[in-house]
Amino acid sequence: MFLKQSTTTTISFGPFVSATDGKTPVTDLYTGGGNAMTVYLSKNGGTAAARNSATSITYDRDGYYRVELNTTDTATAGLLELFANATGALPVWRHLVILTANNHDSLIAGSDALQVHANEITANLISADRDRRISVPPAVMATRRVATKSHTPPRTIWAWDATISGSVR
């Protein structure tokens, strides 16, 4: 599952099943329930900590629970691992991917475009300076020459020099 960085979201977490038979849904792990669970998370393989959100965990159905992750829980782009080991239930874990806002909106929501050079130039976020040249000695060019009939590579190649002219997300 892909989530947007630094946003609050509620996910479905489970199924939690009985440690005794491995199939009966466990229904009392919600906040205030008989065996309330703590959900831990690890960001990019870091040290595990309890989730930051203070919103109560609620039971959904068939051993699944609704767990809120707040902006602190989703603040770090990359891999987010959630896990819980509750009394009377087998352990449950879930791997999520936190995407930056631009990547999420481009790839998942479809409401933005990936920040690539062609779009950045069109939007005047960067400008191209094509008046700069890089001189390359003929010996270097000869080592990189493509095998063609009597074609002499140029001694000067054009270079792309991108300069930031505004803020880029």
Protein backbone atom coordinates (compact mmCIF):
# COMPACT_ATOMS: atom_id res chain seq x y z
CA MET A 1 0.00 0.00 0.00
CA PHE A 2 1.27 3.46 -0.89
CA LEU A 3 0.62 6.43 1.41
CA LYS A 4 1.27 10.14 0.94
CA GLN A 5 4.04 11.60 3.07
CA SER A 6 3.04 13.72 6.08
CA THR A 7 -0.71 13.07 5.84
CA THR A 8 -3.15 11.54 8.30
CA THR A 9 -4.80 8.36 7.08
CA THR A 10 -6.68 5.40 8.51
CA ILE A 11 -5.70 1.90 7.42
CA SER A 12 -7.17 -1.55 7.86
CA PHE A 13 -4.84 -3.68 10.00
CA GLY A 14 -5.18 -7.42 10.46
CA PRO A 15 -6.45 -10.04 10.48
CA PHE A 16 -5.81 -10.80 14.12
CA VAL A 17 -6.61 -14.45 14.78
CA SER A 18 -6.51 -16.62 17.88
CA ALA A 19 -3.10 -17.88 18.97
CA THR A 20 -4.87 -21.08 20.04
CA ASP A 21 -6.43 -22.23 16.75
CA GLY A 22 -4.95 -19.78 14.20
CA LYS A 23 -8.31 -19.02 12.56
CA THR A 24 -10.85 -17.53 14.98
CA PRO A 25 -10.94 -13.71 14.68
CA VAL A 26 -9.87 -11.85 17.82
CA THR A 27 -12.32 -9.02 18.44
CA ASP A 28 -11.26 -7.36 21.72
CA LEU A 29 -7.96 -5.65 20.79
CA TYR A 30 -9.42 -2.18 20.20
CA THR A 31 -8.62 0.75 22.49
CA GLY A 32 -10.51 0.11 25.73
CA GLY A 33 -11.08 -3.55 24.84
CA GLY A 34 -10.12 -6.50 27.03
CA ASN A 35 -6.68 -6.93 25.39
CA ALA A 36 -6.00 -3.48 23.91
CA MET A 37 -3.03 -3.62 21.53
CA THR A 38 -0.20 -1.24 20.82
CA VAL A 39 0.77 -0.77 17.19
CA TYR A 40 4.47 -0.21 16.61
CA LEU A 41 6.15 1.14 13.53
CA SER A 42 9.62 1.25 12.06
CA LYS A 43 10.62 3.85 9.47
CA ASN A 44 13.16 2.64 6.90
CA GLY A 45 14.41 -0.11 9.19
CA GLY A 46 14.94 2.23 12.16
CA THR A 47 14.20 1.50 15.80
CA ALA A 48 10.59 0.52 16.43
CA ALA A 49 8.36 2.89 18.37
CA ALA A 50 4.66 3.06 19.22
CA ARG A 51 2.62 4.97 16.64
CA ASN A 52 2.31 8.68 17.40
CA SER A 53 -1.42 9.03 16.71
CA ALA A 54 -3.54 9.19 19.86
CA THR A 55 -6.72 8.27 17.97
CA SER A 56 -8.32 5.12 19.33
CA ILE A 57 -7.99 1.84 17.45
CA THR A 58 -11.44 0.52 16.55
CA TYR A 59 -12.65 -2.94 15.58
CA ASP A 60 -13.92 -3.30 12.02
CA ARG A 61 -14.82 -6.97 11.35
CA ASP A 62 -13.39 -10.48 10.95
CA GLY A 63 -10.28 -9.68 13.01
CA TYR A 64 -9.48 -6.41 11.20
CA TYR A 65 -9.02 -3.10 13.01
CA ARG A 66 -9.04 0.55 11.88
CA VAL A 67 -5.75 2.22 12.82
CA GLU A 68 -5.03 5.90 12.26
CA LEU A 69 -1.55 7.04 11.28
CA ASN A 70 -0.97 10.76 11.74
CA THR A 71 1.39 13.19 10.01
CA THR A 72 4.25 12.26 12.37
CA ASP A 73 3.75 8.55 11.68
CA THR A 74 3.90 9.16 7.90
CA ALA A 75 6.54 11.94 7.93
CA THR A 76 9.44 9.87 6.55
CA ALA A 77 9.44 8.80 2.90
CA GLY A 78 10.36 5.15 2.32
CA LEU A 79 9.41 1.86 3.96
CA LEU A 80 7.05 1.95 6.96
CA GLU A 81 6.57 -1.34 8.81
CA LEU A 82 3.66 -1.70 11.23
CA PHE A 83 3.39 -4.58 13.66
CA ALA A 84 1.55 -5.65 16.78
CA ASN A 85 1.83 -8.66 19.07
CA ALA A 86 -1.35 -8.66 21.13
CA THR A 87 -2.32 -11.01 23.96
CA GLY A 88 -4.26 -14.01 22.67
CA ALA A 89 -3.58 -13.31 18.98
CA LEU A 90 -0.91 -14.25 16.49
CA PRO A 91 1.44 -11.38 15.56
CA VAL A 92 0.40 -9.16 12.64
CA TRP A 93 2.54 -6.89 10.48
CA ARG A 94 2.09 -4.76 7.41
CA HIS A 95 4.56 -3.09 5.06
CA LEU A 96 3.64 0.31 3.63
CA VAL A 97 5.50 2.66 1.30
CA ILE A 98 5.45 6.37 2.07
CA LEU A 99 5.77 8.47 -1.11
CA THR A 100 6.63 12.15 -1.35
CA ALA A 101 3.65 14.36 -2.18
CA ASN A 102 4.67 14.82 -5.83
CA ASN A 103 5.26 11.10 -6.41
CA HIS A 104 2.00 10.11 -4.68
CA ASP A 105 -0.08 12.70 -6.50
CA SER A 106 1.49 11.73 -9.83
CA LEU A 107 1.49 7.94 -9.55
CA ILE A 108 -1.49 7.21 -7.28
CA ALA A 109 -3.90 10.15 -7.31
CA GLY A 110 -3.22 11.22 -10.90
CA SER A 111 -3.56 14.88 -9.91
CA ASP A 112 0.01 15.99 -10.63
CA ALA A 113 2.89 15.28 -13.00
CA LEU A 114 6.23 13.83 -12.00
CA GLN A 115 8.91 16.49 -11.73
CA VAL A 116 10.97 15.74 -14.82
CA HIS A 117 13.08 18.17 -16.78
CA ALA A 118 10.68 18.60 -19.71
CA ASN A 119 7.82 19.60 -17.40
CA GLU A 120 10.10 21.76 -15.26
CA ILE A 121 11.26 23.72 -18.30
CA THR A 122 7.70 24.19 -19.57
CA ALA A 123 6.66 25.49 -16.14
CA ASN A 124 9.74 27.78 -16.02
CA LEU A 125 11.07 26.04 -12.90
CA ILE A 126 14.45 25.64 -14.59
CA SER A 127 16.00 27.24 -17.63
CA ALA A 128 18.41 25.88 -20.17
CA ASP A 129 21.59 27.74 -21.01
CA ARG A 130 22.71 26.35 -24.36
CA ASP A 131 25.46 28.92 -24.87
CA ARG A 132 27.95 26.96 -22.83
CA ARG A 133 30.26 24.57 -24.60
CA ILE A 134 32.58 21.87 -23.44
CA SER A 135 35.72 21.47 -25.47
CA VAL A 136 36.83 17.89 -25.77
CA PRO A 137 40.31 17.04 -27.06
CA PRO A 138 40.29 15.12 -30.39
CA ALA A 139 42.04 12.14 -28.76
CA VAL A 140 39.15 11.74 -26.28
CA MET A 141 36.55 12.10 -29.02
CA ALA A 142 38.38 9.49 -31.11
CA THR A 143 38.10 6.95 -28.28
CA ARG A 144 34.33 7.49 -28.13
CA ARG A 145 33.70 7.56 -31.87
CA VAL A 146 30.95 5.38 -33.27
CA ALA A 147 32.07 3.18 -36.15
CA THR A 148 30.76 4.98 -39.23
CA LYS A 149 32.25 5.54 -42.68
CA SER A 150 34.54 8.57 -42.78
CA HIS A 151 32.72 10.44 -40.04
CA THR A 152 34.88 12.71 -37.93
CA PRO A 153 33.39 13.52 -34.54
CA PRO A 154 33.04 17.21 -33.65
CA ARG A 155 35.60 18.79 -31.36
CA THR A 156 32.97 20.68 -29.38
CA ILE A 157 29.80 19.27 -27.85
CA TRP A 158 26.85 21.16 -26.47
CA ALA A 159 26.17 20.83 -22.74
CA TRP A 160 23.01 21.34 -20.79
CA ASP A 161 23.34 23.72 -17.87
CA ALA A 162 20.18 23.76 -15.74
CA THR A 163 19.76 26.58 -13.24
CA ILE A 164 17.03 26.72 -10.64
CA SER A 165 14.83 29.75 -11.20
CA GLY A 166 12.13 29.01 -8.62
CA SER A 167 11.23 26.64 -5.85
CA VAL A 168 11.05 22.95 -6.67
CA ARG A 169 9.18 20.50 -4.48
